[in-house]
PDB file of N, CA and C in Angstrom:
ATOM      1  N   MET A   1     116.283 -48.471 157.995  1.00  0.00           N
ATOM      2  CA  MET A   1     116.342 -49.677 158.581  1.00  0.00           C
ATOM      3  C   MET A   1     114.996 -50.099 159.284  1.00  0.00           C
ATOM      4  N   SER A   2     114.260 -48.920 159.537  1.00  0.00           N
ATOM      5  CA  SER A   2     113.117 -49.098 160.241  1.00  0.00           C
ATOM      6  C   SER A   2     111.988 -50.037 159.651  1.00  0.00           C
ATOM      7  N   CYS A   3     111.750 -49.858 158.268  1.00  0.00           N
ATOM      8  CA  CYS A   3     110.710 -50.771 157.747  1.00  0.00           C
ATOM      9  C   CYS A   3     111.486 -52.263 157.695  1.00  0.00           C
ATOM     10  N   SER A   4     112.760 -52.408 157.744  1.00  0.00           N
ATOM     11  CA  SER A   4     113.312 -53.631 157.755  1.00  0.00           C
ATOM     12  C   SER A   4     113.053 -54.330 159.018  1.00  0.00           C
ATOM     13  N   VAL A   5     113.261 -53.562 160.207  1.00  0.00           N
ATOM     14  CA  VAL A   5     112.901 -54.128 161.472  1.00  0.00           C
ATOM     15  C   VAL A   5     111.586 -54.509 161.626  1.00  0.00           C
ATOM     16  N   HIS A   6     110.546 -53.864 161.134  1.00  0.00           N
ATOM     17  CA  HIS A   6     109.176 -54.312 161.174  1.00  0.00           C
ATOM     18  C   HIS A   6     109.039 -55.610 160.397  1.00  0.00           C
ATOM     19  N   ASP A   7     109.556 -55.663 159.143  1.00  0.00           N
ATOM     20  CA  ASP A   7     109.523 -56.892 158.314  1.00  0.00           C
ATOM     21  C   ASP A   7     110.183 -58.030 158.981  1.00  0.00           C
ATOM     22  N   LEU A   8     111.323 -57.828 159.590  1.00  0.00           N
ATOM     23  CA  LEU A   8     112.066 -58.901 160.447  1.00  0.00           C
ATOM     24  C   LEU A   8     111.206 -59.380 161.469  1.00  0.00           C
ATOM     25  N   VAL A   9     110.602 -58.537 162.339  1.00  0.00           N
ATOM     26  CA  VAL A   9     109.676 -58.980 163.413  1.00  0.00           C
ATOM     27  C   VAL A   9     108.380 -59.775 162.908  1.00  0.00           C
ATOM     28  N   ARG A  10     107.916 -59.346 161.830  1.00  0.00           N
ATOM     29  CA  ARG A  10     106.774 -60.041 161.106  1.00  0.00           C
ATOM     30  C   ARG A  10     107.168 -61.395 160.752  1.00  0.00           C
ATOM     31  N   LEU A  11     108.285 -61.455 160.133  1.00  0.00           N
ATOM     32  CA  LEU A  11     108.664 -62.862 159.766  1.00  0.00           C
ATOM     33  C   LEU A  11     109.160 -63.909 160.877  1.00  0.00           C
ATOM     34  N   GLU A  12     109.755 -63.331 161.838  1.00  0.00           N
ATOM     35  CA  GLU A  12     110.077 -63.887 163.054  1.00  0.00           C
ATOM     36  C   GLU A  12     108.925 -64.645 163.783  1.00  0.00           C
ATOM     37  N   ARG A  13     107.811 -63.767 163.848  1.00  0.00           N
ATOM     38  CA  ARG A  13     106.570 -64.181 164.481  1.00  0.00           C
ATOM     39  C   ARG A  13     105.882 -65.274 163.666  1.00  0.00           C
ATOM     40  N   ARG A  14     106.269 -65.361 162.522  1.00  0.00           N
ATOM     41  CA  ARG A  14     105.626 -66.511 161.557  1.00  0.00           C
ATOM     42  C   ARG A  14     106.491 -67.551 161.401  1.00  0.00           C
ATOM     43  N   GLY A  15     107.654 -67.642 162.348  1.00  0.00           N
ATOM     44  CA  GLY A  15     108.527 -68.850 162.383  1.00  0.00           C
ATOM     45  C   GLY A  15     109.576 -68.888 161.383  1.00  0.00           C
ATOM     46  N   ILE A  16     109.829 -67.588 160.634  1.00  0.00           N
ATOM     47  CA  ILE A  16     110.851 -67.559 159.546  1.00  0.00           C
ATOM     48  C   ILE A  16     111.864 -66.938 160.281  1.00  0.00           C
ATOM     49  N   ALA A  17     113.294 -67.573 160.381  1.00  0.00           N
ATOM     50  CA  ALA A  17     114.536 -67.088 161.117  1.00  0.00           C
ATOM     51  C   ALA A  17     114.916 -65.915 159.947  1.00  0.00           C
ATOM     52  N   THR A  18     115.348 -64.682 160.677  1.00  0.00           N
ATOM     53  CA  THR A  18     115.944 -63.704 159.997  1.00  0.00           C
ATOM     54  C   THR A  18     117.185 -63.244 160.571  1.00  0.00           C
ATOM     55  N   ALA A  19     117.875 -62.406 159.855  1.00  0.00           N
ATOM     56  CA  ALA A  19     119.218 -61.803 160.224  1.00  0.00           C
ATOM     57  C   ALA A  19     119.184 -60.497 159.594  1.00  0.00           C
ATOM     58  N   GLY A  20     118.757 -59.329 160.350  1.00  0.00           N
ATOM     59  CA  GLY A  20     118.765 -58.109 159.497  1.00  0.00           C
ATOM     60  C   GLY A  20     120.199 -57.635 159.270  1.00  0.00           C
ATOM     61  N   ILE A  21     120.467 -56.690 158.394  1.00  0.00           N
ATOM     62  CA  ILE A  21     121.758 -56.223 158.099  1.00  0.00           C
ATOM     63  C   ILE A  21     121.651 -54.661 158.173  1.00  0.00           C
ATOM     64  N   GLY A  22     122.328 -53.985 158.799  1.00  0.00           N
ATOM     65  CA  GLY A  22     122.221 -52.409 158.854  1.00  0.00           C
ATOM     66  C   GLY A  22     123.660 -51.796 159.180  1.00  0.00           C
ATOM     67  N   THR A  23     123.776 -50.508 159.026  1.00  0.00           N
ATOM     68  CA  THR A  23     124.843 -49.861 159.192  1.00  0.00           C
ATOM     69  C   THR A  23     124.903 -49.384 160.675  1.00  0.00           C
ATOM     70  N   ILE A  24     126.226 -49.175 161.293  1.00  0.00           N
ATOM     71  CA  ILE A  24     126.302 -49.063 162.684  1.00  0.00           C
ATOM     72  C   ILE A  24     125.717 -47.679 163.100  1.00  0.00           C
ATOM     73  N   PRO A  25     125.606 -46.670 162.413  1.00  0.00           N
ATOM     74  CA  PRO A  25     124.902 -45.376 163.022  1.00  0.00           C
ATOM     75  C   PRO A  25     123.323 -45.647 163.343  1.00  0.00           C
ATOM     76  N   PHE A  26     122.859 -46.620 162.589  1.00  0.00           N
ATOM     77  CA  PHE A  26     121.471 -46.931 162.849  1.00  0.00           C
ATOM     78  C   PHE A  26     121.115 -47.979 163.771  1.00  0.00           C
ATOM     79  N   ALA A  27     122.187 -48.523 164.487  1.00  0.00           N
ATOM     80  CA  ALA A  27     121.909 -49.689 165.307  1.00  0.00           C
ATOM     81  C   ALA A  27     121.035 -49.298 166.516  1.00  0.00           C
ATOM     82  N   ASP A  28     121.143 -48.242 167.250  1.00  0.00           N
ATOM     83  CA  ASP A  28     120.510 -48.038 168.359  1.00  0.00           C
ATOM     84  C   ASP A  28     118.994 -47.744 168.190  1.00  0.00           C
ATOM     85  N   GLU A  29     118.551 -47.227 166.941  1.00  0.00           N
ATOM     86  CA  GLU A  29     117.428 -46.967 166.471  1.00  0.00           C
ATOM     87  C   GLU A  29     116.740 -48.338 166.223  1.00  0.00           C
ATOM     88  N   ALA A  30     117.452 -49.178 165.461  1.00  0.00           N
ATOM     89  CA  ALA A  30     116.986 -50.470 165.067  1.00  0.00           C
ATOM     90  C   ALA A  30     116.506 -51.310 166.218  1.00  0.00           C
ATOM     91  N   LEU A  31     117.595 -51.355 167.037  1.00  0.00           N
ATOM     92  CA  LEU A  31     117.506 -52.203 168.409  1.00  0.00           C
ATOM     93  C   LEU A  31     116.188 -51.563 169.163  1.00  0.00           C
ATOM     94  N   GLU A  32     116.000 -50.175 169.363  1.00  0.00           N
ATOM     95  CA  GLU A  32     115.021 -49.759 170.096  1.00  0.00           C
ATOM     96  C   GLU A  32     113.632 -50.140 169.430  1.00  0.00           C
ATOM     97  N   GLN A  33     113.660 -50.120 168.131  1.00  0.00           N
ATOM     98  CA  GLN A  33     112.365 -50.463 167.534  1.00  0.00           C
ATOM     99  C   GLN A  33     111.937 -51.902 167.685  1.00  0.00           C
ATOM    100  N   ALA A  34     112.979 -52.634 167.654  1.00  0.00           N
ATOM    101  CA  ALA A  34     112.790 -54.157 167.817  1.00  0.00           C
ATOM    102  C   ALA A  34     112.304 -54.425 169.261  1.00  0.00           C
ATOM    103  N   ARG A  35     112.879 -53.695 170.375  1.00  0.00           N
ATOM    104  CA  ARG A  35     112.376 -53.779 171.564  1.00  0.00           C
ATOM    105  C   ARG A  35     110.987 -53.297 171.705  1.00  0.00           C
ATOM    106  N   VAL A  36     110.567 -52.230 171.124  1.00  0.00           N
ATOM    107  CA  VAL A  36     109.361 -51.869 171.293  1.00  0.00           C
ATOM    108  C   VAL A  36     108.274 -52.721 170.688  1.00  0.00           C
ATOM    109  N   LEU A  37     108.738 -53.378 169.567  1.00  0.00           N
ATOM    110  CA  LEU A  37     107.895 -54.323 168.904  1.00  0.00           C
ATOM    111  C   LEU A  37     107.818 -55.612 169.492  1.00  0.00           C
ATOM    112  N   GLY A  38     108.424 -55.778 170.685  1.00  0.00           N
ATOM    113  CA  GLY A  38     108.398 -57.074 171.577  1.00  0.00           C
ATOM    114  C   GLY A  38     109.448 -57.982 171.096  1.00  0.00           C
ATOM    115  N   MET A  39     110.519 -57.740 170.476  1.00  0.00           N
ATOM    116  CA  MET A  39     111.372 -58.598 170.145  1.00  0.00           C
ATOM    117  C   MET A  39     112.925 -57.939 170.204  1.00  0.00           C
ATOM    118  N   PRO A  40     113.279 -57.805 171.663  1.00  0.00           N
ATOM    119  CA  PRO A  40     114.484 -57.110 171.870  1.00  0.00           C
ATOM    120  C   PRO A  40     115.833 -57.955 171.293  1.00  0.00           C
ATOM    121  N   ASP A  41     115.480 -59.176 171.219  1.00  0.00           N
ATOM    122  CA  ASP A  41     116.709 -60.124 170.829  1.00  0.00           C
ATOM    123  C   ASP A  41     116.905 -60.439 169.298  1.00  0.00           C
ATOM    124  N   LEU A  42     116.123 -59.444 168.670  1.00  0.00           N
ATOM    125  CA  LEU A  42     116.176 -59.621 167.184  1.00  0.00           C
ATOM    126  C   LEU A  42     117.622 -59.584 166.670  1.00  0.00           C
ATOM    127  N   ARG A  43     117.917 -60.623 165.770  1.00  0.00           N
ATOM    128  CA  ARG A  43     119.269 -60.676 165.357  1.00  0.00           C
ATOM    129  C   ARG A  43     119.536 -59.677 164.300  1.00  0.00           C
ATOM    130  N   MET A  44     120.687 -58.995 164.343  1.00  0.00           N
ATOM    131  CA  MET A  44     120.974 -57.976 163.358  1.00  0.00           C
ATOM    132  C   MET A  44     122.587 -57.960 163.094  1.00  0.00           C
ATOM    133  N   LEU A  45     123.007 -57.890 161.906  1.00  0.00           N
ATOM    134  CA  LEU A  45     124.502 -57.803 161.759  1.00  0.00           C
ATOM    135  C   LEU A  45     124.729 -56.358 161.281  1.00  0.00           C
ATOM    136  N   LEU A  46     125.673 -55.688 161.958  1.00  0.00           N
ATOM    137  CA  LEU A  46     126.055 -54.286 161.732  1.00  0.00           C
ATOM    138  C   LEU A  46     127.353 -54.294 160.897  1.00  0.00           C
ATOM    139  N   VAL A  47     127.145 -53.560 159.811  1.00  0.00           N
ATOM    140  CA  VAL A  47     128.426 -53.240 158.896  1.00  0.00           C
ATOM    141  C   VAL A  47     128.634 -51.766 159.017  1.00  0.00           C
ATOM    142  N   PRO A  48     130.012 -51.504 158.567  1.00  0.00           N
ATOM    143  CA  PRO A  48     130.385 -50.136 158.503  1.00  0.00           C
ATOM    144  C   PRO A  48     129.515 -49.154 157.693  1.00  0.00           C
ATOM    145  N   HIS A  49     129.404 -47.802 158.045  1.00  0.00           N
ATOM    146  CA  HIS A  49     128.766 -46.973 157.358  1.00  0.00           C
ATOM    147  C   HIS A  49     129.665 -45.950 156.624  1.00  0.00           C
ATOM    148  N   PRO A  50     129.471 -45.417 155.505  1.00  0.00           N
ATOM    149  CA  PRO A  50     128.418 -45.732 154.607  1.00  0.00           C
ATOM    150  C   PRO A  50     128.591 -46.740 153.633  1.00  0.00           C
ATOM    151  N   VAL A  51     127.629 -47.459 153.177  1.00  0.00           N
ATOM    152  CA  VAL A  51     127.740 -48.485 152.063  1.00  0.00           C
ATOM    153  C   VAL A  51     127.525 -47.985 150.709  1.00  0.00           C
ATOM    154  N   GLN A  52     126.615 -46.874 150.820  1.00  0.00           N
ATOM    155  CA  GLN A  52     126.385 -46.397 149.200  1.00  0.00           C
ATOM    156  C   GLN A  52     127.594 -45.727 148.573  1.00  0.00           C
ATOM    157  N   LEU A  53     128.635 -45.418 149.293  1.00  0.00           N
ATOM    158  CA  LEU A  53     129.863 -45.057 148.699  1.00  0.00           C
ATOM    159  C   LEU A  53     130.882 -45.954 148.205  1.00  0.00           C
ATOM    160  N   LEU A  54     130.503 -47.240 148.543  1.00  0.00           N
ATOM    161  CA  LEU A  54     131.398 -48.292 148.077  1.00  0.00           C
ATOM    162  C   LEU A  54     131.209 -48.761 146.643  1.00  0.00           C
ATOM    163  N   ASP A  55     132.448 -49.054 145.894  1.00  0.00           N
ATOM    164  CA  ASP A  55     132.316 -49.352 144.532  1.00  0.00           C
ATOM    165  C   ASP A  55     131.883 -50.888 144.549  1.00  0.00           C
ATOM    166  N   PRO A  56     131.558 -51.332 143.257  1.00  0.00           N
ATOM    167  CA  PRO A  56     131.037 -52.722 143.256  1.00  0.00           C
ATOM    168  C   PRO A  56     131.929 -53.747 143.867  1.00  0.00           C
ATOM    169  N   ALA A  57     133.259 -53.436 143.786  1.00  0.00           N
ATOM    170  CA  ALA A  57     134.287 -54.543 144.198  1.00  0.00           C
ATOM    171  C   ALA A  57     134.260 -54.454 145.788  1.00  0.00           C
ATOM    172  N   GLU A  58     134.313 -53.344 146.354  1.00  0.00           N
ATOM    173  CA  GLU A  58     134.092 -53.125 147.775  1.00  0.00           C
ATOM    174  C   GLU A  58     132.931 -53.736 148.342  1.00  0.00           C
ATOM    175  N   LEU A  59     131.942 -53.399 147.729  1.00  0.00           N
ATOM    176  CA  LEU A  59     130.597 -53.966 148.190  1.00  0.00           C
ATOM    177  C   LEU A  59     130.601 -55.552 148.178  1.00  0.00           C
ATOM    178  N   ASP A  60     131.108 -56.056 147.072  1.00  0.00           N
ATOM    179  CA  ASP A  60     131.141 -57.491 147.046  1.00  0.00           C
ATOM    180  C   ASP A  60     131.997 -58.091 148.176  1.00  0.00           C
ATOM    181  N   ARG A  61     133.207 -57.375 148.428  1.00  0.00           N
ATOM    182  CA  ARG A  61     133.994 -57.835 149.609  1.00  0.00           C
ATOM    183  C   ARG A  61     133.226 -57.763 151.015  1.00  0.00           C
ATOM    184  N   LEU A  62     132.449 -56.640 151.238  1.00  0.00           N
ATOM    185  CA  LEU A  62     131.685 -56.652 152.360  1.00  0.00           C
ATOM    186  C   LEU A  62     130.598 -57.642 152.451  1.00  0.00           C
ATOM    187  N   ALA A  63     129.956 -58.026 151.411  1.00  0.00           N
ATOM    188  CA  ALA A  63     129.058 -59.034 151.321  1.00  0.00           C
ATOM    189  C   ALA A  63     129.712 -60.389 151.664  1.00  0.00           C
ATOM    190  N   ASP A  64     130.730 -60.674 150.865  1.00  0.00           N
ATOM    191  CA  ASP A  64     131.489 -61.768 151.163  1.00  0.00           C
ATOM    192  C   ASP A  64     131.951 -61.966 152.561  1.00  0.00           C
ATOM    193  N   THR A  65     132.580 -60.937 153.166  1.00  0.00           N
ATOM    194  CA  THR A  65     132.872 -61.036 154.681  1.00  0.00           C
ATOM    195  C   THR A  65     131.726 -61.136 155.646  1.00  0.00           C
ATOM    196  N   SER A  66     130.677 -60.697 155.213  1.00  0.00           N
ATOM    197  CA  SER A  66     129.393 -60.726 156.148  1.00  0.00           C
ATOM    198  C   SER A  66     128.682 -61.954 156.049  1.00  0.00           C
ATOM    199  N   PHE A  67     128.610 -62.629 154.888  1.00  0.00           N
ATOM    200  CA  PHE A  67     127.932 -63.850 154.673  1.00  0.00           C
ATOM    201  C   PHE A  67     127.995 -65.028 155.731  1.00  0.00           C
ATOM    202  N   GLY A  68     129.196 -65.174 156.231  1.00  0.00           N
ATOM    203  CA  GLY A  68     129.443 -66.075 157.220  1.00  0.00           C
ATOM    204  C   GLY A  68     128.784 -65.687 158.457  1.00  0.00           C
ATOM    205  N   ARG A  69     128.806 -64.542 158.963  1.00  0.00           N
ATOM    206  CA  ARG A  69     128.034 -63.970 160.154  1.00  0.00           C
ATOM    207  C   ARG A  69     126.527 -64.203 159.941  1.00  0.00           C
ATOM    208  N   VAL A  70     125.922 -63.870 158.665  1.00  0.00           N
ATOM    209  CA  VAL A  70     124.697 -64.050 158.387  1.00  0.00           C
ATOM    210  C   VAL A  70     124.158 -65.438 158.803  1.00  0.00           C
ATOM    211  N   LEU A  71     125.005 -66.412 158.195  1.00  0.00           N
ATOM    212  CA  LEU A  71     124.743 -67.717 158.272  1.00  0.00           C
ATOM    213  C   LEU A  71     124.762 -68.098 159.763  1.00  0.00           C
ATOM    214  N   GLU A  72     125.691 -67.604 160.659  1.00  0.00           N
ATOM    215  CA  GLU A  72     125.681 -67.968 162.025  1.00  0.00           C
ATOM    216  C   GLU A  72     124.583 -67.559 162.685  1.00  0.00           C
ATOM    217  N   HIS A  73     123.959 -66.318 162.498  1.00  0.00           N
ATOM    218  CA  HIS A  73     122.801 -65.817 163.027  1.00  0.00           C
ATOM    219  C   HIS A  73     121.543 -66.700 162.729  1.00  0.00           C
ATOM    220  N   LEU A  74     121.577 -67.225 161.508  1.00  0.00           N
ATOM    221  CA  LEU A  74     120.297 -68.118 161.039  1.00  0.00           C
ATOM    222  C   LEU A  74     120.502 -69.442 161.577  1.00  0.00           C
ATOM    223  N   GLN A  75     121.789 -70.059 161.741  1.00  0.00           N
ATOM    224  CA  GLN A  75     121.950 -71.290 162.463  1.00  0.00           C
ATOM    225  C   GLN A  75     121.672 -71.207 163.874  1.00  0.00           C
ATOM    226  N   THR A  76     121.927 -70.007 164.510  1.00  0.00           N
ATOM    227  CA  THR A  76     121.635 -69.782 165.965  1.00  0.00           C
ATOM    228  C   THR A  76     120.218 -69.847 166.264  1.00  0.00           C
ATOM    229  N   ALA A  77     119.448 -69.163 165.168  1.00  0.00           N
ATOM    230  CA  ALA A  77     117.995 -69.001 165.322  1.00  0.00           C
ATOM    231  C   ALA A  77     117.300 -70.538 165.175  1.00  0.00           C
ATOM    232  N   SER A  78     118.020 -71.286 164.338  1.00  0.00           N
ATOM    233  CA  SER A  78     117.381 -72.775 164.172  1.00  0.00           C
ATOM    234  C   SER A  78     117.566 -73.586 165.509  1.00  0.00           C
ATOM    235  N   THR A  79     118.593 -73.382 166.257  1.00  0.00           N
ATOM    236  CA  THR A  79     118.960 -74.135 167.370  1.00  0.00           C
ATOM    237  C   THR A  79     118.308 -73.565 168.498  1.00  0.00           C
ATOM    238  N   GLY A  80     117.714 -72.412 168.478  1.00  0.00           N
ATOM    239  CA  GLY A  80     116.855 -71.939 169.627  1.00  0.00           C
ATOM    240  C   GLY A  80     117.854 -71.011 170.605  1.00  0.00           C
ATOM    241  N   ARG A  81     119.209 -70.849 170.215  1.00  0.00           N
ATOM    242  CA  ARG A  81     120.122 -70.158 171.173  1.00  0.00           C
ATOM    243  C   ARG A  81     119.932 -68.609 170.856  1.00  0.00           C
ATOM    244  N   SER A  82     120.292 -67.763 171.761  1.00  0.00           N
ATOM    245  CA  SER A  82     120.324 -66.411 171.578  1.00  0.00           C
ATOM    246  C   SER A  82     121.644 -66.013 170.848  1.00  0.00           C
ATOM    247  N   SER A  83     121.358 -65.050 170.100  1.00  0.00           N
ATOM    248  CA  SER A  83     122.685 -64.312 169.311  1.00  0.00           C
ATOM    249  C   SER A  83     122.906 -63.062 169.522  1.00  0.00           C
ATOM    250  N   SER A  84     124.191 -62.470 169.441  1.00  0.00           N
ATOM    251  CA  SER A  84     124.447 -60.931 169.537  1.00  0.00           C
ATOM    252  C   SER A  84     124.549 -60.479 168.298  1.00  0.00           C
TER     253      SER A  84
END
């Protein structure tokens, strides 16, 4: 997730709304990196770990259930409100 956090921060600084997706065990690291990079309120969506063991149907379900939350994060960004 660490490279993703750097990419998300760079995009956000360019005015491009982002919503990072990562698994729960890596949340603390990702949030700390975002804080160190000067963006402690970086929007991230956390999903259960591990995803690499999911079969294609399970992965599709996870993506389908997460999509709405990603949209909420992006819409929150466009209105200027903080998101969790």
